[in-house]
Amino acid sequence: MATPKFKQRCGLCKKNMVLMYSRKQYPVCNECELKQISHPIENPEYKKFFDIPEKFYQESYFLRNIKASYLRFDSITDRQKEAFLKTVEDMKVGKKKEEKKEE
């Protein structure tokens, strides 16, 4: 991942600072992004699919982006599903490894 170049205030709430990587990027803080993706999902299949711990969404821009795409278009591609599941599984395995190290 590229190193952040500068900070800028969130374009929605105007109070939190966002690390910016490009001048073309629109600044949105994690808090505002989580508010945007917190809308309820009616489809039972996708409701179960997106039912992962909130902490995973807080840590991963990628997971937030996939959920936002679903909320915008009411569908995601098979590749997006696979990548989402792989990322969630990697995060779960990473959490288990960290817990074992602490013990």
N, C-alpha and C. Protein backbone atom coordinates (compact mmCIF):
# COMPACT_ATOMS: atom_id res chain seq x y z
N MET A 1 0.84 -1.17 0.00
CA MET A 1 0.00 0.00 0.00
C MET A 1 0.89 1.24 0.00
N ALA A 2 0.47 2.25 -0.68
CA ALA A 2 1.23 3.49 -0.76
C ALA A 2 1.23 4.19 0.60
N THR A 3 2.25 4.96 0.83
CA THR A 3 2.32 5.70 2.09
C THR A 3 1.44 6.94 2.00
N PRO A 4 0.78 7.30 3.10
CA PRO A 4 -0.09 8.48 3.08
C PRO A 4 0.72 9.75 2.83
N LYS A 5 0.16 10.65 2.07
CA LYS A 5 0.85 11.89 1.72
C LYS A 5 0.46 13.04 2.63
N PHE A 6 -0.82 13.09 3.03
CA PHE A 6 -1.29 14.21 3.84
C PHE A 6 -2.61 13.83 4.50
N LYS A 7 -3.07 14.67 5.42
CA LYS A 7 -4.36 14.48 6.08
C LYS A 7 -5.32 15.56 5.63
N GLN A 8 -6.60 15.19 5.59
CA GLN A 8 -7.63 16.14 5.21
C GLN A 8 -8.88 15.83 6.02
N ARG A 9 -9.69 16.84 6.30
CA ARG A 9 -10.92 16.61 7.05
C ARG A 9 -11.91 15.80 6.22
N CYS A 10 -12.71 15.01 6.92
CA CYS A 10 -13.74 14.20 6.28
C CYS A 10 -14.70 15.11 5.50
N GLY A 11 -15.05 14.69 4.30
CA GLY A 11 -15.94 15.48 3.46
C GLY A 11 -17.39 15.45 3.92
N LEU A 12 -17.74 14.50 4.79
CA LEU A 12 -19.13 14.39 5.24
C LEU A 12 -19.34 15.03 6.61
N CYS A 13 -18.55 14.64 7.60
CA CYS A 13 -18.78 15.15 8.96
C CYS A 13 -17.93 16.38 9.29
N LYS A 14 -16.89 16.62 8.56
CA LYS A 14 -16.00 17.79 8.72
C LYS A 14 -15.27 17.84 10.06
N LYS A 15 -15.26 16.71 10.83
CA LYS A 15 -14.57 16.78 12.11
C LYS A 15 -13.38 15.82 12.19
N ASN A 16 -13.46 14.64 11.57
CA ASN A 16 -12.38 13.66 11.64
C ASN A 16 -11.38 13.87 10.50
N MET A 17 -10.13 13.53 10.78
CA MET A 17 -9.09 13.63 9.76
C MET A 17 -8.94 12.28 9.05
N VAL A 18 -8.66 12.34 7.74
CA VAL A 18 -8.52 11.15 6.92
C VAL A 18 -7.15 11.18 6.26
N LEU A 19 -6.45 10.04 6.27
CA LEU A 19 -5.17 9.96 5.57
C LEU A 19 -5.45 9.89 4.07
N MET A 20 -4.84 10.77 3.32
CA MET A 20 -5.07 10.84 1.88
C MET A 20 -3.87 10.29 1.14
N TYR A 21 -4.13 9.49 0.11
CA TYR A 21 -3.07 8.89 -0.69
C TYR A 21 -2.97 9.53 -2.07
N SER A 22 -4.03 10.22 -2.47
CA SER A 22 -4.07 10.84 -3.79
C SER A 22 -4.94 12.08 -3.72
N ARG A 23 -4.66 13.04 -4.56
CA ARG A 23 -5.48 14.25 -4.57
C ARG A 23 -6.85 14.00 -5.19
N LYS A 24 -7.00 12.88 -5.90
CA LYS A 24 -8.28 12.53 -6.51
C LYS A 24 -9.21 11.81 -5.54
N GLN A 25 -8.68 11.39 -4.43
CA GLN A 25 -9.45 10.65 -3.43
C GLN A 25 -10.42 11.57 -2.70
N TYR A 26 -11.64 11.10 -2.46
CA TYR A 26 -12.61 11.87 -1.69
C TYR A 26 -12.48 11.47 -0.23
N PRO A 27 -12.27 12.42 0.67
CA PRO A 27 -12.04 12.07 2.08
C PRO A 27 -13.32 11.68 2.81
N VAL A 28 -13.37 10.42 3.28
CA VAL A 28 -14.47 9.94 4.09
C VAL A 28 -13.86 9.15 5.25
N CYS A 29 -14.19 9.52 6.47
CA CYS A 29 -13.63 8.84 7.64
C CYS A 29 -14.32 7.49 7.85
N ASN A 30 -13.70 6.63 8.64
CA ASN A 30 -14.27 5.31 8.92
C ASN A 30 -15.65 5.41 9.56
N GLU A 31 -15.82 6.35 10.46
CA GLU A 31 -17.10 6.54 11.14
C GLU A 31 -18.23 6.80 10.15
N CYS A 32 -18.01 7.70 9.23
CA CYS A 32 -19.04 8.05 8.23
C CYS A 32 -19.27 6.89 7.27
N GLU A 33 -18.20 6.19 6.92
CA GLU A 33 -18.33 5.06 6.01
C GLU A 33 -19.13 3.93 6.66
N LEU A 34 -18.90 3.71 7.95
CA LEU A 34 -19.66 2.67 8.66
C LEU A 34 -21.14 3.05 8.77
N LYS A 35 -21.44 4.33 8.90
CA LYS A 35 -22.83 4.78 8.91
C LYS A 35 -23.50 4.49 7.56
N GLN A 36 -22.75 4.69 6.48
CA GLN A 36 -23.29 4.49 5.15
C GLN A 36 -23.62 3.03 4.88
N ILE A 37 -22.82 2.11 5.41
CA ILE A 37 -23.05 0.69 5.12
C ILE A 37 -23.89 -0.01 6.19
N SER A 38 -24.43 0.73 7.14
CA SER A 38 -25.21 0.11 8.21
C SER A 38 -26.69 -0.07 7.86
N HIS A 39 -27.08 0.21 6.64
CA HIS A 39 -28.47 0.05 6.24
C HIS A 39 -28.85 -1.44 6.25
N PRO A 40 -30.09 -1.76 6.61
CA PRO A 40 -30.50 -3.18 6.67
C PRO A 40 -30.56 -3.82 5.28
N ILE A 41 -30.28 -5.12 5.26
CA ILE A 41 -30.30 -5.89 4.02
C ILE A 41 -31.50 -6.82 4.09
N GLU A 42 -32.37 -6.79 3.06
CA GLU A 42 -33.59 -7.58 3.06
C GLU A 42 -33.36 -9.01 2.59
N ASN A 43 -32.50 -9.22 1.61
CA ASN A 43 -32.24 -10.55 1.05
C ASN A 43 -31.62 -11.44 2.13
N PRO A 44 -32.30 -12.55 2.52
CA PRO A 44 -31.79 -13.39 3.61
C PRO A 44 -30.42 -14.02 3.32
N GLU A 45 -30.17 -14.35 2.05
CA GLU A 45 -28.88 -14.94 1.68
C GLU A 45 -27.74 -13.94 1.93
N TYR A 46 -27.92 -12.72 1.47
CA TYR A 46 -26.89 -11.71 1.65
C TYR A 46 -26.84 -11.18 3.09
N LYS A 47 -27.97 -11.22 3.76
CA LYS A 47 -27.99 -10.80 5.16
C LYS A 47 -27.06 -11.69 5.97
N LYS A 48 -27.12 -12.99 5.72
CA LYS A 48 -26.23 -13.94 6.41
C LYS A 48 -24.79 -13.76 5.92
N PHE A 49 -24.63 -13.51 4.63
CA PHE A 49 -23.30 -13.34 4.03
C PHE A 49 -22.54 -12.17 4.64
N PHE A 50 -23.22 -11.05 4.84
CA PHE A 50 -22.58 -9.84 5.37
C PHE A 50 -22.61 -9.77 6.90
N ASP A 51 -23.09 -10.82 7.56
CA ASP A 51 -23.15 -10.84 9.01
C ASP A 51 -21.80 -11.28 9.58
N ILE A 52 -20.87 -10.36 9.67
CA ILE A 52 -19.55 -10.61 10.23
C ILE A 52 -19.33 -9.59 11.36
N PRO A 53 -18.35 -9.81 12.21
CA PRO A 53 -18.13 -8.85 13.30
C PRO A 53 -17.87 -7.43 12.80
N GLU A 54 -18.42 -6.47 13.51
CA GLU A 54 -18.28 -5.05 13.15
C GLU A 54 -16.81 -4.63 13.10
N LYS A 55 -15.99 -5.26 13.93
CA LYS A 55 -14.57 -4.92 14.00
C LYS A 55 -13.88 -5.19 12.66
N PHE A 56 -14.31 -6.23 11.94
CA PHE A 56 -13.72 -6.53 10.63
C PHE A 56 -13.99 -5.40 9.65
N TYR A 57 -15.21 -4.85 9.70
CA TYR A 57 -15.53 -3.72 8.83
C TYR A 57 -14.72 -2.48 9.22
N GLN A 58 -14.49 -2.28 10.50
CA GLN A 58 -13.71 -1.14 10.96
C GLN A 58 -12.27 -1.22 10.49
N GLU A 59 -11.72 -2.42 10.42
CA GLU A 59 -10.32 -2.61 10.08
C GLU A 59 -10.06 -2.66 8.58
N SER A 60 -11.05 -3.05 7.79
CA SER A 60 -10.80 -3.31 6.37
C SER A 60 -11.63 -2.42 5.44
N TYR A 61 -10.94 -1.57 4.73
CA TYR A 61 -11.60 -0.74 3.71
C TYR A 61 -12.20 -1.62 2.62
N PHE A 62 -11.53 -2.72 2.29
CA PHE A 62 -11.98 -3.63 1.24
C PHE A 62 -13.36 -4.21 1.57
N LEU A 63 -13.55 -4.67 2.81
CA LEU A 63 -14.84 -5.24 3.20
C LEU A 63 -15.94 -4.18 3.18
N ARG A 64 -15.61 -2.98 3.63
CA ARG A 64 -16.59 -1.88 3.59
C ARG A 64 -16.97 -1.57 2.15
N ASN A 65 -16.01 -1.61 1.26
CA ASN A 65 -16.24 -1.30 -0.15
C ASN A 65 -17.16 -2.34 -0.80
N ILE A 66 -16.94 -3.61 -0.50
CA ILE A 66 -17.79 -4.67 -1.07
C ILE A 66 -19.23 -4.51 -0.57
N LYS A 67 -19.41 -4.26 0.72
CA LYS A 67 -20.76 -4.10 1.25
C LYS A 67 -21.43 -2.86 0.67
N ALA A 68 -20.68 -1.78 0.52
CA ALA A 68 -21.24 -0.57 -0.08
C ALA A 68 -21.67 -0.83 -1.52
N SER A 69 -20.89 -1.62 -2.26
CA SER A 69 -21.25 -1.97 -3.63
C SER A 69 -22.55 -2.76 -3.66
N TYR A 70 -22.69 -3.70 -2.72
CA TYR A 70 -23.94 -4.46 -2.67
C TYR A 70 -25.13 -3.55 -2.38
N LEU A 71 -24.96 -2.66 -1.40
CA LEU A 71 -26.06 -1.77 -1.04
C LEU A 71 -26.43 -0.83 -2.20
N ARG A 72 -25.45 -0.46 -3.00
CA ARG A 72 -25.70 0.44 -4.12
C ARG A 72 -26.37 -0.28 -5.29
N PHE A 73 -25.89 -1.50 -5.62
CA PHE A 73 -26.35 -2.18 -6.83
C PHE A 73 -27.22 -3.42 -6.56
N ASP A 74 -27.44 -3.78 -5.30
CA ASP A 74 -28.23 -4.95 -4.91
C ASP A 74 -27.69 -6.28 -5.44
N SER A 75 -26.42 -6.32 -5.79
CA SER A 75 -25.78 -7.57 -6.17
C SER A 75 -24.27 -7.36 -6.20
N ILE A 76 -23.55 -8.46 -6.08
CA ILE A 76 -22.09 -8.44 -6.25
C ILE A 76 -21.70 -9.63 -7.11
N THR A 77 -20.54 -9.58 -7.72
CA THR A 77 -20.10 -10.65 -8.61
C THR A 77 -19.59 -11.83 -7.80
N ASP A 78 -19.43 -12.96 -8.49
CA ASP A 78 -18.90 -14.16 -7.84
C ASP A 78 -17.48 -13.93 -7.33
N ARG A 79 -16.70 -13.21 -8.09
CA ARG A 79 -15.32 -12.92 -7.66
C ARG A 79 -15.30 -12.04 -6.41
N GLN A 80 -16.21 -11.10 -6.33
CA GLN A 80 -16.30 -10.26 -5.14
C GLN A 80 -16.68 -11.11 -3.92
N LYS A 81 -17.60 -12.06 -4.12
CA LYS A 81 -17.99 -12.96 -3.04
C LYS A 81 -16.79 -13.77 -2.56
N GLU A 82 -16.05 -14.34 -3.51
CA GLU A 82 -14.89 -15.15 -3.16
C GLU A 82 -13.84 -14.33 -2.41
N ALA A 83 -13.57 -13.14 -2.91
CA ALA A 83 -12.57 -12.28 -2.27
C ALA A 83 -13.02 -11.85 -0.88
N PHE A 84 -14.30 -11.55 -0.74
CA PHE A 84 -14.85 -11.16 0.57
C PHE A 84 -14.67 -12.30 1.56
N LEU A 85 -15.08 -13.52 1.17
CA LEU A 85 -14.96 -14.67 2.06
C LEU A 85 -13.51 -14.97 2.40
N LYS A 86 -12.62 -14.85 1.43
CA LYS A 86 -11.20 -15.10 1.66
C LYS A 86 -10.63 -14.08 2.65
N THR A 87 -10.99 -12.83 2.50
CA THR A 87 -10.51 -11.78 3.40
C THR A 87 -11.02 -12.00 4.82
N VAL A 88 -12.30 -12.34 4.95
CA VAL A 88 -12.87 -12.60 6.28
C VAL A 88 -12.17 -13.78 6.92
N GLU A 89 -11.94 -14.84 6.15
CA GLU A 89 -11.26 -16.02 6.69
C GLU A 89 -9.84 -15.67 7.12
N ASP A 90 -9.13 -14.89 6.31
CA ASP A 90 -7.77 -14.47 6.68
C ASP A 90 -7.77 -13.65 7.95
N MET A 91 -8.77 -12.79 8.11
CA MET A 91 -8.85 -11.97 9.32
C MET A 91 -9.15 -12.84 10.54
N LYS A 92 -10.01 -13.85 10.38
CA LYS A 92 -10.32 -14.75 11.48
C LYS A 92 -9.08 -15.54 11.89
N VAL A 93 -8.34 -16.06 10.91
CA VAL A 93 -7.12 -16.82 11.20
C VAL A 93 -6.08 -15.92 11.85
N GLY A 94 -5.97 -14.69 11.39
CA GLY A 94 -5.05 -13.73 11.99
C GLY A 94 -5.39 -13.44 13.44
N LYS A 95 -6.67 -13.32 13.74
CA LYS A 95 -7.13 -13.07 15.12
C LYS A 95 -6.78 -14.26 16.01
N LYS A 96 -6.98 -15.48 15.48
CA LYS A 96 -6.67 -16.68 16.27
C LYS A 96 -5.18 -16.76 16.58
N LYS A 97 -4.34 -16.42 15.60
CA LYS A 97 -2.90 -16.45 15.81
C LYS A 97 -2.49 -15.43 16.87
N GLU A 98 -3.10 -14.25 16.84
CA GLU A 98 -2.78 -13.21 17.83
C GLU A 98 -3.18 -13.66 19.23
N GLU A 99 -4.34 -14.34 19.33
CA GLU A 99 -4.80 -14.81 20.64
C GLU A 99 -3.85 -15.86 21.20
N LYS A 100 -3.34 -16.75 20.36
CA LYS A 100 -2.41 -17.78 20.79
C LYS A 100 -1.10 -17.17 21.27
N LYS A 101 -0.64 -16.12 20.60
CA LYS A 101 0.60 -15.46 21.00
C LYS A 101 0.45 -14.80 22.37
N GLU A 102 -0.73 -14.25 22.66
CA GLU A 102 -0.97 -13.59 23.94
C GLU A 102 -0.98 -14.58 25.09
N GLU A 103 -1.44 -15.81 24.82
CA GLU A 103 -1.50 -16.83 25.87
C GLU A 103 -0.11 -17.30 26.16
